[in-house]
Amino acid sequence: MADNCDFDSASGSLESTCALTAAATLRLTSESVYICIAADLLHQMMTELQRAELDNSRLAPVIAAARHDICRRLDLLLVTVESLVVAKNPTRVTDLSGRAKLMIYGLAREIEQLVIQAQGAGDPLIADST
């Protein structure tokens, strides 16, 4: 994966993966729906941080240092969510749900730390949105 991850370009993938058609809604548990929502929120948070990085040169080193790992983990989360949406075996659904939740918790903690660092750098956009 490239070091310069464009979070805006991947948004269609997550939206289409989590698009809840009538047939998909019947198959998905509420937990799966919440996992889709959480993955989308993480994606949106990282997109905002990337925009803040572009607008504030003091944030660039902080976000750039974490970007590659976060991109890789968001991609892995997307693959897990895609597998979860199509999984039919209850054991597989349980396993994928657990993996997705662990990834979500880890990414949320890391992105939260970036937001705290961004607030320390004095970015008003980040400070107002939390």
N, C-alpha and C. Protein backbone atom coordinates (compact mmCIF):
# COMPACT_ATOMS: atom_id res chain seq x y z
N MET A 1 0.84 -1.19 0.00
CA MET A 1 0.00 0.00 0.00
C MET A 1 0.88 1.23 0.00
N ALA A 2 0.46 2.23 -0.70
CA ALA A 2 1.21 3.47 -0.77
C ALA A 2 1.16 4.18 0.57
N ASP A 3 2.23 4.96 0.81
CA ASP A 3 2.30 5.69 2.07
C ASP A 3 1.28 6.82 2.11
N ASN A 4 0.88 7.32 0.92
CA ASN A 4 -0.07 8.40 0.85
C ASN A 4 -1.46 7.83 0.62
N CYS A 5 -2.16 7.52 1.68
CA CYS A 5 -3.47 6.89 1.61
C CYS A 5 -4.54 7.97 1.45
N ASP A 6 -5.38 7.82 0.45
CA ASP A 6 -6.46 8.76 0.21
C ASP A 6 -7.75 8.17 0.76
N PHE A 7 -8.14 8.63 1.94
CA PHE A 7 -9.31 8.09 2.59
C PHE A 7 -10.59 8.45 1.88
N ASP A 8 -10.60 9.59 1.17
CA ASP A 8 -11.81 9.98 0.44
C ASP A 8 -12.11 9.02 -0.70
N SER A 9 -11.09 8.49 -1.36
CA SER A 9 -11.34 7.65 -2.52
C SER A 9 -11.91 6.29 -2.15
N ALA A 10 -11.68 5.83 -0.92
CA ALA A 10 -12.15 4.50 -0.51
C ALA A 10 -13.56 4.53 0.05
N SER A 11 -14.13 5.72 0.25
CA SER A 11 -15.42 5.80 0.93
C SER A 11 -16.53 5.05 0.21
N GLY A 12 -16.48 4.99 -1.10
CA GLY A 12 -17.51 4.26 -1.84
C GLY A 12 -17.48 2.78 -1.52
N SER A 13 -16.31 2.23 -1.30
CA SER A 13 -16.16 0.82 -0.99
C SER A 13 -16.87 0.47 0.31
N LEU A 14 -16.63 1.27 1.34
CA LEU A 14 -17.25 1.00 2.63
C LEU A 14 -18.76 1.19 2.54
N GLU A 15 -19.20 2.23 1.85
CA GLU A 15 -20.64 2.46 1.72
C GLU A 15 -21.31 1.32 0.98
N SER A 16 -20.68 0.83 -0.09
CA SER A 16 -21.31 -0.27 -0.83
C SER A 16 -21.27 -1.57 -0.04
N THR A 17 -20.21 -1.77 0.73
CA THR A 17 -20.12 -2.98 1.56
C THR A 17 -21.21 -2.99 2.61
N CYS A 18 -21.46 -1.86 3.22
CA CYS A 18 -22.41 -1.79 4.32
C CYS A 18 -23.81 -1.36 3.87
N ALA A 19 -24.01 -1.20 2.57
CA ALA A 19 -25.34 -0.84 2.08
C ALA A 19 -26.31 -1.94 2.49
N LEU A 20 -27.34 -1.54 3.15
CA LEU A 20 -28.27 -2.52 3.70
C LEU A 20 -29.50 -2.65 2.82
N THR A 21 -29.42 -3.58 1.90
CA THR A 21 -30.58 -3.90 1.08
C THR A 21 -31.53 -4.72 1.94
N ALA A 22 -32.73 -4.92 1.47
CA ALA A 22 -33.70 -5.71 2.24
C ALA A 22 -33.17 -7.12 2.51
N ALA A 23 -32.56 -7.75 1.51
CA ALA A 23 -32.03 -9.11 1.70
C ALA A 23 -30.88 -9.12 2.69
N ALA A 24 -29.99 -8.12 2.59
CA ALA A 24 -28.84 -8.06 3.50
C ALA A 24 -29.30 -7.79 4.93
N THR A 25 -30.30 -6.96 5.11
CA THR A 25 -30.79 -6.64 6.43
C THR A 25 -31.31 -7.89 7.14
N LEU A 26 -31.96 -8.77 6.41
CA LEU A 26 -32.48 -9.99 7.01
C LEU A 26 -31.36 -10.90 7.50
N ARG A 27 -30.23 -10.90 6.78
CA ARG A 27 -29.11 -11.76 7.16
C ARG A 27 -28.27 -11.18 8.27
N LEU A 28 -28.12 -9.86 8.31
CA LEU A 28 -27.22 -9.24 9.26
C LEU A 28 -27.83 -9.12 10.64
N THR A 29 -26.99 -9.35 11.63
CA THR A 29 -27.42 -9.13 13.01
C THR A 29 -27.26 -7.64 13.30
N SER A 30 -27.87 -7.19 14.38
CA SER A 30 -27.71 -5.78 14.74
C SER A 30 -26.25 -5.48 15.04
N GLU A 31 -25.52 -6.47 15.57
CA GLU A 31 -24.10 -6.29 15.84
C GLU A 31 -23.34 -6.01 14.54
N SER A 32 -23.67 -6.72 13.48
CA SER A 32 -23.02 -6.50 12.19
C SER A 32 -23.31 -5.10 11.66
N VAL A 33 -24.53 -4.65 11.84
CA VAL A 33 -24.90 -3.30 11.40
C VAL A 33 -24.09 -2.27 12.18
N TYR A 34 -23.96 -2.46 13.50
CA TYR A 34 -23.18 -1.53 14.31
C TYR A 34 -21.70 -1.55 13.94
N ILE A 35 -21.19 -2.71 13.55
CA ILE A 35 -19.80 -2.81 13.10
C ILE A 35 -19.62 -1.99 11.82
N CYS A 36 -20.58 -2.08 10.90
CA CYS A 36 -20.54 -1.27 9.68
C CYS A 36 -20.55 0.22 10.02
N ILE A 37 -21.39 0.61 10.94
CA ILE A 37 -21.49 2.02 11.34
C ILE A 37 -20.18 2.48 11.97
N ALA A 38 -19.61 1.67 12.86
CA ALA A 38 -18.35 2.03 13.51
C ALA A 38 -17.21 2.15 12.50
N ALA A 39 -17.16 1.22 11.56
CA ALA A 39 -16.11 1.27 10.52
C ALA A 39 -16.25 2.55 9.71
N ASP A 40 -17.47 2.92 9.37
CA ASP A 40 -17.71 4.14 8.61
C ASP A 40 -17.29 5.37 9.42
N LEU A 41 -17.60 5.40 10.70
CA LEU A 41 -17.22 6.53 11.55
C LEU A 41 -15.70 6.66 11.66
N LEU A 42 -15.00 5.53 11.80
CA LEU A 42 -13.54 5.57 11.84
C LEU A 42 -12.98 6.13 10.54
N HIS A 43 -13.56 5.70 9.45
CA HIS A 43 -13.14 6.19 8.14
C HIS A 43 -13.35 7.70 8.06
N GLN A 44 -14.50 8.19 8.51
CA GLN A 44 -14.79 9.62 8.48
C GLN A 44 -13.82 10.40 9.37
N MET A 45 -13.51 9.84 10.55
CA MET A 45 -12.59 10.50 11.47
C MET A 45 -11.21 10.65 10.84
N MET A 46 -10.74 9.59 10.20
CA MET A 46 -9.41 9.64 9.58
C MET A 46 -9.40 10.59 8.40
N THR A 47 -10.50 10.66 7.67
CA THR A 47 -10.60 11.61 6.56
C THR A 47 -10.47 13.04 7.09
N GLU A 48 -11.14 13.34 8.19
CA GLU A 48 -11.06 14.68 8.78
C GLU A 48 -9.64 14.98 9.27
N LEU A 49 -8.99 14.00 9.88
CA LEU A 49 -7.61 14.20 10.33
C LEU A 49 -6.69 14.44 9.14
N GLN A 50 -6.93 13.73 8.05
CA GLN A 50 -6.10 13.92 6.87
C GLN A 50 -6.30 15.34 6.32
N ARG A 51 -7.53 15.82 6.32
CA ARG A 51 -7.78 17.19 5.87
C ARG A 51 -7.08 18.20 6.79
N ALA A 52 -7.14 17.93 8.09
CA ALA A 52 -6.46 18.80 9.05
C ALA A 52 -4.96 18.78 8.82
N GLU A 53 -4.42 17.61 8.48
CA GLU A 53 -2.99 17.49 8.19
C GLU A 53 -2.60 18.38 7.03
N LEU A 54 -3.43 18.41 6.00
CA LEU A 54 -3.13 19.21 4.81
C LEU A 54 -3.22 20.70 5.11
N ASP A 55 -4.09 21.08 6.04
CA ASP A 55 -4.30 22.49 6.36
C ASP A 55 -3.35 23.03 7.42
N ASN A 56 -2.66 22.16 8.16
CA ASN A 56 -1.83 22.60 9.27
C ASN A 56 -0.50 21.86 9.23
N SER A 57 0.55 22.58 8.88
CA SER A 57 1.87 21.94 8.72
C SER A 57 2.39 21.37 10.04
N ARG A 58 1.93 21.87 11.18
CA ARG A 58 2.39 21.30 12.45
C ARG A 58 1.79 19.91 12.69
N LEU A 59 0.64 19.63 12.09
CA LEU A 59 0.02 18.31 12.25
C LEU A 59 0.61 17.27 11.31
N ALA A 60 1.17 17.71 10.22
CA ALA A 60 1.64 16.79 9.18
C ALA A 60 2.54 15.68 9.72
N PRO A 61 3.57 15.97 10.51
CA PRO A 61 4.44 14.88 10.98
C PRO A 61 3.71 13.89 11.89
N VAL A 62 2.81 14.39 12.71
CA VAL A 62 2.09 13.52 13.65
C VAL A 62 1.20 12.53 12.90
N ILE A 63 0.42 13.03 11.96
CA ILE A 63 -0.51 12.18 11.22
C ILE A 63 0.23 11.32 10.21
N ALA A 64 1.22 11.88 9.56
CA ALA A 64 1.97 11.12 8.57
C ALA A 64 2.66 9.91 9.18
N ALA A 65 3.13 10.06 10.41
CA ALA A 65 3.81 8.96 11.08
C ALA A 65 2.88 7.77 11.31
N ALA A 66 1.61 8.05 11.53
CA ALA A 66 0.64 6.98 11.83
C ALA A 66 -0.16 6.54 10.61
N ARG A 67 -0.10 7.32 9.53
CA ARG A 67 -1.00 7.09 8.40
C ARG A 67 -0.88 5.70 7.78
N HIS A 68 0.33 5.25 7.52
CA HIS A 68 0.51 3.97 6.83
C HIS A 68 -0.13 2.82 7.61
N ASP A 69 0.13 2.76 8.90
CA ASP A 69 -0.44 1.69 9.72
C ASP A 69 -1.96 1.80 9.79
N ILE A 70 -2.47 3.01 9.95
CA ILE A 70 -3.92 3.19 10.04
C ILE A 70 -4.58 2.82 8.71
N CYS A 71 -3.98 3.19 7.59
CA CYS A 71 -4.51 2.81 6.28
C CYS A 71 -4.59 1.30 6.14
N ARG A 72 -3.51 0.64 6.51
CA ARG A 72 -3.46 -0.82 6.41
C ARG A 72 -4.54 -1.45 7.28
N ARG A 73 -4.69 -0.95 8.49
CA ARG A 73 -5.68 -1.52 9.40
C ARG A 73 -7.12 -1.19 8.97
N LEU A 74 -7.35 0.00 8.41
CA LEU A 74 -8.68 0.31 7.88
C LEU A 74 -9.01 -0.59 6.69
N ASP A 75 -8.02 -0.85 5.84
CA ASP A 75 -8.23 -1.77 4.71
C ASP A 75 -8.56 -3.17 5.22
N LEU A 76 -7.83 -3.63 6.23
CA LEU A 76 -8.10 -4.95 6.81
C LEU A 76 -9.49 -4.99 7.45
N LEU A 77 -9.89 -3.90 8.09
CA LEU A 77 -11.23 -3.83 8.66
C LEU A 77 -12.28 -3.90 7.56
N LEU A 78 -12.05 -3.21 6.44
CA LEU A 78 -12.99 -3.26 5.32
C LEU A 78 -13.13 -4.68 4.79
N VAL A 79 -12.02 -5.38 4.64
CA VAL A 79 -12.06 -6.78 4.17
C VAL A 79 -12.84 -7.64 5.17
N THR A 80 -12.61 -7.41 6.45
CA THR A 80 -13.32 -8.17 7.48
C THR A 80 -14.81 -7.88 7.44
N VAL A 81 -15.17 -6.62 7.27
CA VAL A 81 -16.59 -6.24 7.19
C VAL A 81 -17.22 -6.85 5.94
N GLU A 82 -16.50 -6.83 4.81
CA GLU A 82 -17.02 -7.46 3.59
C GLU A 82 -17.28 -8.93 3.82
N SER A 83 -16.36 -9.62 4.48
CA SER A 83 -16.54 -11.05 4.79
C SER A 83 -17.70 -11.26 5.74
N LEU A 84 -17.83 -10.37 6.70
CA LEU A 84 -18.92 -10.47 7.68
C LEU A 84 -20.28 -10.32 7.01
N VAL A 85 -20.38 -9.39 6.08
CA VAL A 85 -21.66 -9.12 5.41
C VAL A 85 -22.12 -10.33 4.60
N VAL A 86 -21.19 -11.08 4.02
CA VAL A 86 -21.58 -12.22 3.18
C VAL A 86 -21.55 -13.56 3.93
N ALA A 87 -21.02 -13.58 5.15
CA ALA A 87 -20.89 -14.83 5.90
C ALA A 87 -22.27 -15.39 6.25
N LYS A 88 -22.40 -16.71 6.12
CA LYS A 88 -23.66 -17.37 6.45
C LYS A 88 -23.51 -18.31 7.65
N ASN A 89 -22.32 -18.81 7.87
CA ASN A 89 -22.05 -19.72 8.98
C ASN A 89 -22.00 -18.93 10.28
N PRO A 90 -22.85 -19.27 11.28
CA PRO A 90 -22.89 -18.52 12.53
C PRO A 90 -21.54 -18.46 13.26
N THR A 91 -20.78 -19.54 13.19
CA THR A 91 -19.47 -19.55 13.84
C THR A 91 -18.54 -18.54 13.16
N ARG A 92 -18.59 -18.50 11.84
CA ARG A 92 -17.77 -17.56 11.07
C ARG A 92 -18.20 -16.13 11.37
N VAL A 93 -19.50 -15.89 11.46
CA VAL A 93 -20.00 -14.56 11.78
C VAL A 93 -19.48 -14.12 13.14
N THR A 94 -19.53 -15.01 14.12
CA THR A 94 -19.05 -14.70 15.47
C THR A 94 -17.56 -14.37 15.45
N ASP A 95 -16.78 -15.17 14.73
CA ASP A 95 -15.34 -14.94 14.64
C ASP A 95 -15.04 -13.61 13.96
N LEU A 96 -15.68 -13.35 12.84
CA LEU A 96 -15.45 -12.10 12.12
C LEU A 96 -15.91 -10.89 12.93
N SER A 97 -17.03 -11.02 13.64
CA SER A 97 -17.52 -9.93 14.49
C SER A 97 -16.49 -9.60 15.57
N GLY A 98 -15.96 -10.63 16.19
CA GLY A 98 -14.95 -10.42 17.23
C GLY A 98 -13.71 -9.75 16.69
N ARG A 99 -13.24 -10.21 15.53
CA ARG A 99 -12.07 -9.58 14.91
C ARG A 99 -12.34 -8.12 14.57
N ALA A 100 -13.50 -7.87 13.98
CA ALA A 100 -13.84 -6.50 13.58
C ALA A 100 -13.91 -5.58 14.80
N LYS A 101 -14.51 -6.06 15.89
CA LYS A 101 -14.62 -5.24 17.09
C LYS A 101 -13.24 -4.93 17.67
N LEU A 102 -12.35 -5.91 17.69
CA LEU A 102 -10.98 -5.65 18.18
C LEU A 102 -10.28 -4.61 17.32
N MET A 103 -10.43 -4.71 16.00
CA MET A 103 -9.83 -3.73 15.10
C MET A 103 -10.42 -2.34 15.34
N ILE A 104 -11.74 -2.29 15.52
CA ILE A 104 -12.41 -1.01 15.75
C ILE A 104 -11.91 -0.37 17.03
N TYR A 105 -11.82 -1.14 18.11
CA TYR A 105 -11.34 -0.58 19.38
C TYR A 105 -9.92 -0.07 19.25
N GLY A 106 -9.06 -0.83 18.60
CA GLY A 106 -7.67 -0.41 18.42
C GLY A 106 -7.55 0.84 17.58
N LEU A 107 -8.27 0.87 16.46
CA LEU A 107 -8.23 2.05 15.59
C LEU A 107 -8.82 3.27 16.28
N ALA A 108 -9.89 3.07 17.04
CA ALA A 108 -10.51 4.20 17.75
C ALA A 108 -9.53 4.80 18.74
N ARG A 109 -8.81 3.95 19.47
CA ARG A 109 -7.82 4.46 20.43
C ARG A 109 -6.72 5.24 19.71
N GLU A 110 -6.22 4.69 18.62
CA GLU A 110 -5.14 5.34 17.90
C GLU A 110 -5.59 6.67 17.28
N ILE A 111 -6.77 6.68 16.68
CA ILE A 111 -7.27 7.92 16.08
C ILE A 111 -7.57 8.95 17.17
N GLU A 112 -8.07 8.48 18.32
CA GLU A 112 -8.31 9.39 19.43
C GLU A 112 -7.01 10.05 19.89
N GLN A 113 -5.93 9.29 19.93
CA GLN A 113 -4.63 9.85 20.30
C GLN A 113 -4.18 10.90 19.27
N LEU A 114 -4.43 10.63 17.99
CA LEU A 114 -4.08 11.62 16.97
C LEU A 114 -4.90 12.90 17.14
N VAL A 115 -6.17 12.76 17.49
CA VAL A 115 -7.01 13.94 17.72
C VAL A 115 -6.47 14.73 18.90
N ILE A 116 -6.08 14.04 19.96
CA ILE A 116 -5.52 14.73 21.14
C ILE A 116 -4.24 15.47 20.76
N GLN A 117 -3.38 14.82 19.96
CA GLN A 117 -2.16 15.48 19.51
C GLN A 117 -2.49 16.66 18.60
N ALA A 118 -3.50 16.51 17.76
CA ALA A 118 -3.91 17.60 16.87
C ALA A 118 -4.43 18.78 17.69
N GLN A 119 -5.18 18.50 18.73
CA GLN A 119 -5.69 19.57 19.59
C GLN A 119 -4.52 20.29 20.26
N GLY A 120 -3.50 19.53 20.65
CA GLY A 120 -2.30 20.12 21.23
C GLY A 120 -1.56 21.01 20.26
N ALA A 121 -1.69 20.70 18.96
CA ALA A 121 -1.05 21.51 17.94
C ALA A 121 -1.88 22.76 17.63
N GLY A 122 -3.07 22.85 18.23
CA GLY A 122 -3.88 24.05 18.09
C GLY A 122 -4.72 24.13 16.85
N ASP A 123 -5.10 22.99 16.29
CA ASP A 123 -5.94 23.03 15.10
C ASP A 123 -7.38 23.28 15.51
N PRO A 124 -7.97 24.43 15.15
CA PRO A 124 -9.33 24.76 15.58
C PRO A 124 -10.38 23.83 15.00
N LEU A 125 -10.19 23.31 13.79
CA LEU A 125 -11.15 22.40 13.17
C LEU A 125 -11.30 21.15 14.04
N ILE A 126 -10.18 20.58 14.45
CA ILE A 126 -10.20 19.38 15.28
C ILE A 126 -10.76 19.70 16.66
N ALA A 127 -10.36 20.82 17.23
CA ALA A 127 -10.82 21.17 18.57
C ALA A 127 -12.34 21.36 18.61
N ASP A 128 -12.92 21.95 17.56
CA ASP A 128 -14.36 22.19 17.55
C ASP A 128 -15.17 20.93 17.29
N SER A 129 -14.59 19.95 16.58
CA SER A 129 -15.38 18.79 16.18
C SER A 129 -15.42 17.68 17.22
N THR A 130 -14.69 17.82 18.32
CA THR A 130 -14.71 16.77 19.37
C THR A 130 -15.57 17.13 20.51
